Each structure stands twice: as structure tokens, then as C-alpha cells.
Amino acid sequence: MIKMKNVNKGINGCCLKLIAAATMLIDHIGFLLLGYGVLEVVPVSTQEYSKWYYVYYLMRCVGRVAFPIYAFLLTEGIAHTRSWKKYGLRLGIFALISEIPFNLVCCQKPICGETQNIFFTLLIGLLTVEAAEYAVGKLSGKKRTLAWVAIAAIGCMVAVLLRTDYDYTGVLLIVLLYLLRERRVEQCAAGFFWLSANAPRIGFLLGLAVSFLMIRFYNGERGNKRGKYFFYGFYPVHLLVLYLIYQWLMQNIGNL
């Protein structure tokens, strides 16, 4: 009799990345092509506008699945990486690569100081955790807790000053997920309630709940390792492609 290999049940890291990338794409399609495209040209008082707005809102709700997964996978990466400096360097490089496509999507111009892309938030979260871990290694007792609080506050302030996507909310989420990484249920509950408290719309809670439910069933395995840079590159590439589609749409929408 042929014995089947033991396969851990649950969702591996590669699958989580695919889910995050897909839901992020849906969110950005809704944000740009519908929010700044279709809904800008359809008369507000019409039934057609209501239908398009419903689709827009639904797509934005689906998009809430993405960021908690990215933040969670970052904390997993921090816990298991051989070199956090190389990890941070990759995040920094792609933050710079992504900035122009991100600005084009958010501000319709290549240079914009109003907001910075999500790679900057992830990088600040990484540096915050590593700085706190370093400080904690030099301290004892209650000073360790104070170090975490102080350094997390500094990380949050940096994110706010730079106006990164998700700013202090994202950085503190990363800190929470990292500190609770050995207790998955508490980790998911804390992350969900933190983002829920800062959610601008009540409908977004469903997307957040789905996201943390999938994180709950992460099986601790990375999955396929060959597509690592695909997921880094997907972010700036899909933003640039969506912007080009948006430009075409706005030039031809009257003919459609």
C-alpha cells in the first residue's frame, strides 16, 4: 500500500500571498477605475450611479482582506528571516520603485507628498520591531514593556509624518501581530479589533473578518518559494497598468 505524505491542513504562505494580491487588485480597480473613473462621469442622481456605487463599495470591502495578510506575513518574515537587514533593504528598494506608480494612482501625478505607498509602512513596521527587540535585549523587567511602548510610538509617529498608507494603524498592527505571534487566536482577535476600531466604514468589517479568519488557519508553511519577487513586483506593476487603463478609460468613456 502506498502511504500518502502528511500534509498540514490549513493555508500556506504562498496561498495567503495570492489571496492578498488578488483582493488588493480588486480594491485598486474599485478605487481608481470606478471611484475616479465611472463614478466621476455618471450623474449622481441616477439609478445607474447607485448600481456602480454598490459595485465600488463591494470591491473596496473585498480589498480589506489584503493588508492584514501582508502585515501578518511580514511578522512571520521577521521571526524567521536570516537577515532582517536584507529584508528591510528589499522593502526599501520596492518602496522607492513603487512610489511613482502609487502617486499616479492616488494623485494622478508622478510626484506627490500627500501619501506614501504601503511598502514604506511595512518597512517602518519592520524597523520598529527590530529596534524594540534590540532595546529589549539590553533591558530587564518593566523596562522592556516601556521600551516596546516608546519605540512603537516613535514608529507610529514616523508613519504619520511620512503619511504612509495605513500610517500609525498599520505600524501598530504589525507590532501587535508580532508580539502575539505565538498565540494565533489572540493575535487574530487583537488585529481584527484594532483595525475595526479604525475602519472608516462598517461594511469593511466583513473583509477584515475574512482576512483574519484565513490568517487563523495559516499552517506555518511557506508554500512555493519560487515566486517571492513576483509578489514584490506585482505591487508597482499592477498600479502602473491600472493607471494606464484609467487614462484610456477617461479619454474614451464617452464613446463606450
Protein backbone atom coordinates (compact mmCIF):
# COMPACT_ATOMS: atom_id res chain seq x y z
CA MET A 1 0.00 0.00 0.00
CA ILE A 2 1.30 3.44 -0.92
CA LYS A 3 1.44 5.78 2.05
CA MET A 4 0.38 9.34 1.49
CA LYS A 5 2.68 12.06 2.76
CA ASN A 6 1.44 14.03 5.72
CA VAL A 7 0.12 17.36 4.57
CA ASN A 8 -0.58 20.05 7.11
CA LYS A 9 -4.12 21.25 6.85
CA GLY A 10 -4.72 24.95 6.50
CA ILE A 11 -3.44 27.74 4.29
CA ASN A 12 0.25 28.15 3.46
CA GLY A 13 2.11 31.41 2.98
CA CYS A 14 2.09 31.30 -0.82
CA CYS A 15 -1.69 30.86 -0.85
CA LEU A 16 -2.10 33.79 1.55
CA LYS A 17 0.05 35.95 -0.74
CA LEU A 18 -2.11 35.05 -3.74
CA ILE A 19 -5.27 35.92 -1.83
CA ALA A 20 -3.77 39.22 -0.67
CA ALA A 21 -2.62 40.12 -4.20
CA ALA A 22 -6.00 39.26 -5.74
CA THR A 23 -8.04 41.19 -3.19
CA MET A 24 -5.65 44.15 -3.40
CA LEU A 25 -6.12 44.20 -7.18
CA ILE A 26 -9.91 44.18 -6.78
CA ASP A 27 -9.66 47.02 -4.26
CA HIS A 28 -7.49 49.16 -6.52
CA ILE A 29 -9.71 48.55 -9.54
CA GLY A 30 -12.62 49.80 -7.49
CA PHE A 31 -10.65 52.74 -6.08
CA LEU A 32 -9.30 54.04 -9.39
CA LEU A 33 -11.38 52.79 -12.31
CA LEU A 34 -14.71 53.14 -10.54
CA GLY A 35 -14.08 55.73 -7.82
CA TYR A 36 -12.13 58.18 -10.00
CA GLY A 37 -13.45 56.93 -13.32
CA VAL A 38 -17.00 55.74 -13.78
CA LEU A 39 -18.47 57.43 -10.70
CA GLU A 40 -17.00 60.76 -11.78
CA VAL A 41 -18.87 60.79 -15.08
CA VAL A 42 -22.17 59.08 -14.21
CA PRO A 43 -24.78 61.56 -12.88
CA VAL A 44 -25.13 61.17 -9.11
CA SER A 45 -28.93 61.25 -9.01
CA THR A 46 -29.39 58.35 -11.45
CA GLN A 47 -30.11 54.67 -10.80
CA GLU A 48 -27.03 53.81 -12.85
CA TYR A 49 -24.85 55.70 -10.35
CA SER A 50 -26.36 53.74 -7.45
CA LYS A 51 -25.55 50.45 -9.17
CA TRP A 52 -21.96 51.45 -9.91
CA TYR A 53 -21.52 52.77 -6.37
CA TYR A 54 -22.71 49.47 -4.96
CA VAL A 55 -20.11 47.62 -7.06
CA TYR A 56 -17.46 50.15 -6.00
CA TYR A 57 -18.29 49.73 -2.32
CA LEU A 58 -18.30 45.93 -2.59
CA MET A 59 -14.88 45.94 -4.25
CA ARG A 60 -13.46 48.21 -1.53
CA CYS A 61 -14.85 45.84 1.12
CA VAL A 62 -13.15 42.89 -0.59
CA GLY A 63 -9.93 44.89 -0.58
CA ARG A 64 -9.87 44.99 3.24
CA VAL A 65 -8.70 41.38 3.13
CA ALA A 66 -5.27 42.30 1.75
CA PHE A 67 -3.41 44.45 4.27
CA PRO A 68 -3.86 42.29 7.40
CA ILE A 69 -2.40 39.37 5.44
CA TYR A 70 0.59 41.42 4.28
CA ALA A 71 1.18 42.65 7.83
CA PHE A 72 0.90 39.12 9.20
CA LEU A 73 3.31 37.69 6.63
CA LEU A 74 5.75 40.49 7.45
CA THR A 75 5.78 39.44 11.10
CA GLU A 76 6.32 35.84 10.04
CA GLY A 77 9.20 37.00 7.88
CA ILE A 78 10.72 38.99 10.74
CA ALA A 79 10.53 35.97 13.03
CA HIS A 80 12.17 33.61 10.53
CA THR A 81 14.44 35.69 8.30
CA ARG A 82 18.17 35.07 8.39
CA SER A 83 18.92 38.75 7.87
CA TRP A 84 16.41 41.44 8.77
CA LYS A 85 18.72 44.00 7.17
CA LYS A 86 18.43 42.32 3.75
CA TYR A 87 14.69 42.01 4.30
CA GLY A 88 14.47 45.71 5.08
CA LEU A 89 16.62 46.57 2.07
CA ARG A 90 14.22 44.71 -0.24
CA LEU A 91 11.26 46.55 1.26
CA GLY A 92 13.08 49.88 0.88
CA ILE A 93 14.01 49.24 -2.76
CA PHE A 94 10.47 48.30 -3.72
CA ALA A 95 9.10 51.23 -1.73
CA LEU A 96 11.12 53.54 -3.99
CA ILE A 97 10.21 51.61 -7.15
CA SER A 98 6.52 51.73 -6.24
CA GLU A 99 6.32 55.41 -5.34
CA ILE A 100 5.73 56.84 -8.82
CA PRO A 101 3.06 54.25 -9.79
CA PHE A 102 1.44 54.79 -6.38
CA ASN A 103 1.43 58.56 -6.84
CA LEU A 104 -0.06 58.23 -10.32
CA VAL A 105 -2.92 56.15 -8.96
CA CYS A 106 -3.58 58.23 -5.84
CA CYS A 107 -2.79 61.74 -7.08
CA GLN A 108 -2.68 61.39 -10.89
CA LYS A 109 0.84 62.84 -10.90
CA PRO A 110 4.29 61.23 -10.51
CA ILE A 111 5.44 63.35 -7.55
CA CYS A 112 3.08 63.73 -4.61
CA GLY A 113 3.75 64.28 -0.91
CA GLU A 114 0.20 63.62 0.24
CA THR A 115 0.71 59.90 0.89
CA GLN A 116 3.35 57.17 0.54
CA ASN A 117 2.92 53.58 -0.58
CA ILE A 118 2.38 50.55 1.63
CA PHE A 119 5.98 49.32 1.35
CA PHE A 120 7.01 52.29 3.49
CA THR A 121 4.52 51.23 6.17
CA LEU A 122 5.84 47.67 6.12
CA LEU A 123 9.43 48.94 6.29
CA ILE A 124 8.67 51.17 9.27
CA GLY A 125 6.93 48.24 10.95
CA LEU A 126 9.99 46.05 10.40
CA LEU A 127 12.38 48.70 11.76
CA THR A 128 10.11 49.33 14.74
CA VAL A 129 10.04 45.66 15.71
CA GLU A 130 13.78 45.19 15.23
CA ALA A 131 14.60 48.36 17.21
CA ALA A 132 12.32 47.23 20.05
CA GLU A 133 13.82 43.73 20.08
CA TYR A 134 17.30 45.22 20.25
CA ALA A 135 16.33 47.52 23.14
CA VAL A 136 14.57 44.72 25.00
CA GLY A 137 17.71 42.61 24.77
CA LYS A 138 19.56 45.27 26.74
CA LEU A 139 16.89 45.75 29.40
CA SER A 140 15.02 43.77 32.03
CA GLY A 141 11.70 43.81 33.87
CA LYS A 142 9.20 46.58 33.28
CA LYS A 143 11.74 48.49 31.23
CA ARG A 144 11.16 46.01 28.41
CA THR A 145 7.49 46.89 28.22
CA LEU A 146 8.30 50.60 28.32
CA ALA A 147 10.80 50.10 25.51
CA TRP A 148 8.18 48.44 23.32
CA VAL A 149 5.66 51.21 24.02
CA ALA A 150 8.15 54.01 23.39
CA ILE A 151 9.61 52.56 20.19
CA ALA A 152 6.18 51.60 18.84
CA ALA A 153 5.05 55.18 19.46
CA ILE A 154 8.06 56.51 17.55
CA GLY A 155 7.34 54.14 14.65
CA CYS A 156 3.73 55.30 14.56
CA MET A 157 4.77 58.96 14.56
CA VAL A 158 7.19 58.37 11.69
CA ALA A 159 4.42 56.73 9.66
CA VAL A 160 2.08 59.65 10.36
CA LEU A 161 4.74 62.24 9.47
CA LEU A 162 5.55 60.46 6.21
CA ARG A 163 1.83 59.93 5.55
CA THR A 164 2.29 56.29 4.65
CA ASP A 165 -0.64 54.14 3.61
CA TYR A 166 -2.38 52.93 6.81
CA ASP A 167 0.13 55.14 8.75
CA TYR A 168 0.09 54.51 12.55
CA THR A 169 -2.75 51.99 12.23
CA GLY A 170 -0.61 49.76 10.05
CA VAL A 171 2.55 50.07 12.14
CA LEU A 172 0.75 49.26 15.38
CA LEU A 173 -0.99 46.33 13.72
CA ILE A 174 2.43 44.91 12.79
CA VAL A 175 3.63 45.34 16.38
CA LEU A 176 0.53 43.61 17.76
CA LEU A 177 0.75 40.70 15.34
CA TYR A 178 4.44 40.26 16.11
CA LEU A 179 4.04 40.31 19.90
CA LEU A 180 1.17 37.79 19.75
CA ARG A 181 2.73 35.54 17.09
CA GLU A 182 2.82 32.52 19.44
CA ARG A 183 -0.90 32.83 20.23
CA ARG A 184 -2.79 32.74 16.95
CA VAL A 185 -6.34 33.20 18.26
CA GLU A 186 -5.38 36.22 20.41
CA GLN A 187 -3.29 37.53 17.52
CA CYS A 188 -6.23 37.47 15.12
CA ALA A 189 -8.66 38.88 17.66
CA ALA A 190 -6.37 41.79 18.57
CA GLY A 191 -5.65 42.58 14.93
CA PHE A 192 -9.31 42.47 13.97
CA PHE A 193 -10.48 44.71 16.81
CA TRP A 194 -7.65 47.19 16.23
CA LEU A 195 -8.42 47.60 12.53
CA SER A 196 -12.17 47.53 13.18
CA ALA A 197 -11.82 50.44 15.61
CA ASN A 198 -10.14 52.42 12.83
CA ALA A 199 -12.30 51.26 9.91
CA PRO A 200 -13.94 54.24 8.17
CA ARG A 201 -16.99 52.21 7.09
CA ILE A 202 -18.88 49.46 8.89
CA GLY A 203 -19.07 47.38 5.71
CA PHE A 204 -15.30 46.97 5.78
CA LEU A 205 -15.58 44.79 8.90
CA LEU A 206 -16.64 41.78 6.86
CA GLY A 207 -13.50 41.98 4.74
CA LEU A 208 -11.36 42.28 7.86
CA ALA A 209 -13.12 39.30 9.45
CA VAL A 210 -12.46 37.15 6.36
CA SER A 211 -8.82 38.22 6.36
CA PHE A 212 -8.16 37.27 9.97
CA LEU A 213 -10.12 34.04 9.56
CA MET A 214 -7.69 32.99 6.83
CA ILE A 215 -4.74 34.06 8.96
CA ARG A 216 -6.16 31.92 11.77
CA PHE A 217 -5.81 28.86 9.55
CA TYR A 218 -2.27 29.59 8.38
CA ASN A 219 -0.40 26.30 8.69
CA GLY A 220 3.09 27.70 9.21
CA GLU A 221 4.39 26.59 5.81
CA ARG A 222 5.78 28.97 3.20
CA GLY A 223 4.49 27.01 0.21
CA ASN A 224 6.05 27.62 -3.21
CA LYS A 225 9.22 29.69 -2.70
CA ARG A 226 9.93 30.47 -6.35
CA GLY A 227 7.57 33.41 -6.72
CA LYS A 228 8.97 35.65 -3.97
CA TYR A 229 9.93 38.54 -6.22
CA PHE A 230 6.73 38.19 -8.23
CA PHE A 231 4.77 39.37 -5.21
CA TYR A 232 7.15 42.27 -4.61
CA GLY A 233 6.96 43.34 -8.25
CA PHE A 234 3.22 42.81 -8.55
CA TYR A 235 2.52 45.90 -6.45
CA PRO A 236 4.16 48.59 -8.63
CA VAL A 237 3.35 46.81 -11.91
CA HIS A 238 -0.37 46.45 -11.26
CA LEU A 239 -0.59 50.08 -10.12
CA LEU A 240 1.07 51.29 -13.32
CA VAL A 241 -1.15 49.09 -15.50
CA LEU A 242 -4.30 50.31 -13.74
CA TYR A 243 -3.22 53.92 -14.21
CA LEU A 244 -2.72 53.36 -17.95
CA ILE A 245 -6.16 51.72 -18.18
CA TYR A 246 -7.62 54.65 -16.23
CA GLN A 247 -6.11 57.16 -18.66
CA TRP A 248 -7.52 55.24 -21.62
CA LEU A 249 -10.90 54.96 -19.91
CA MET A 250 -11.14 58.67 -19.21
CA GLN A 251 -10.24 59.51 -22.82
CA ASN A 252 -12.74 57.08 -24.31
CA ILE A 253 -15.53 56.77 -21.75
CA GLY A 254 -17.81 59.00 -23.78
CA ASN A 255 -17.58 56.59 -26.71
CA LEU A 256 -18.35 53.46 -24.68
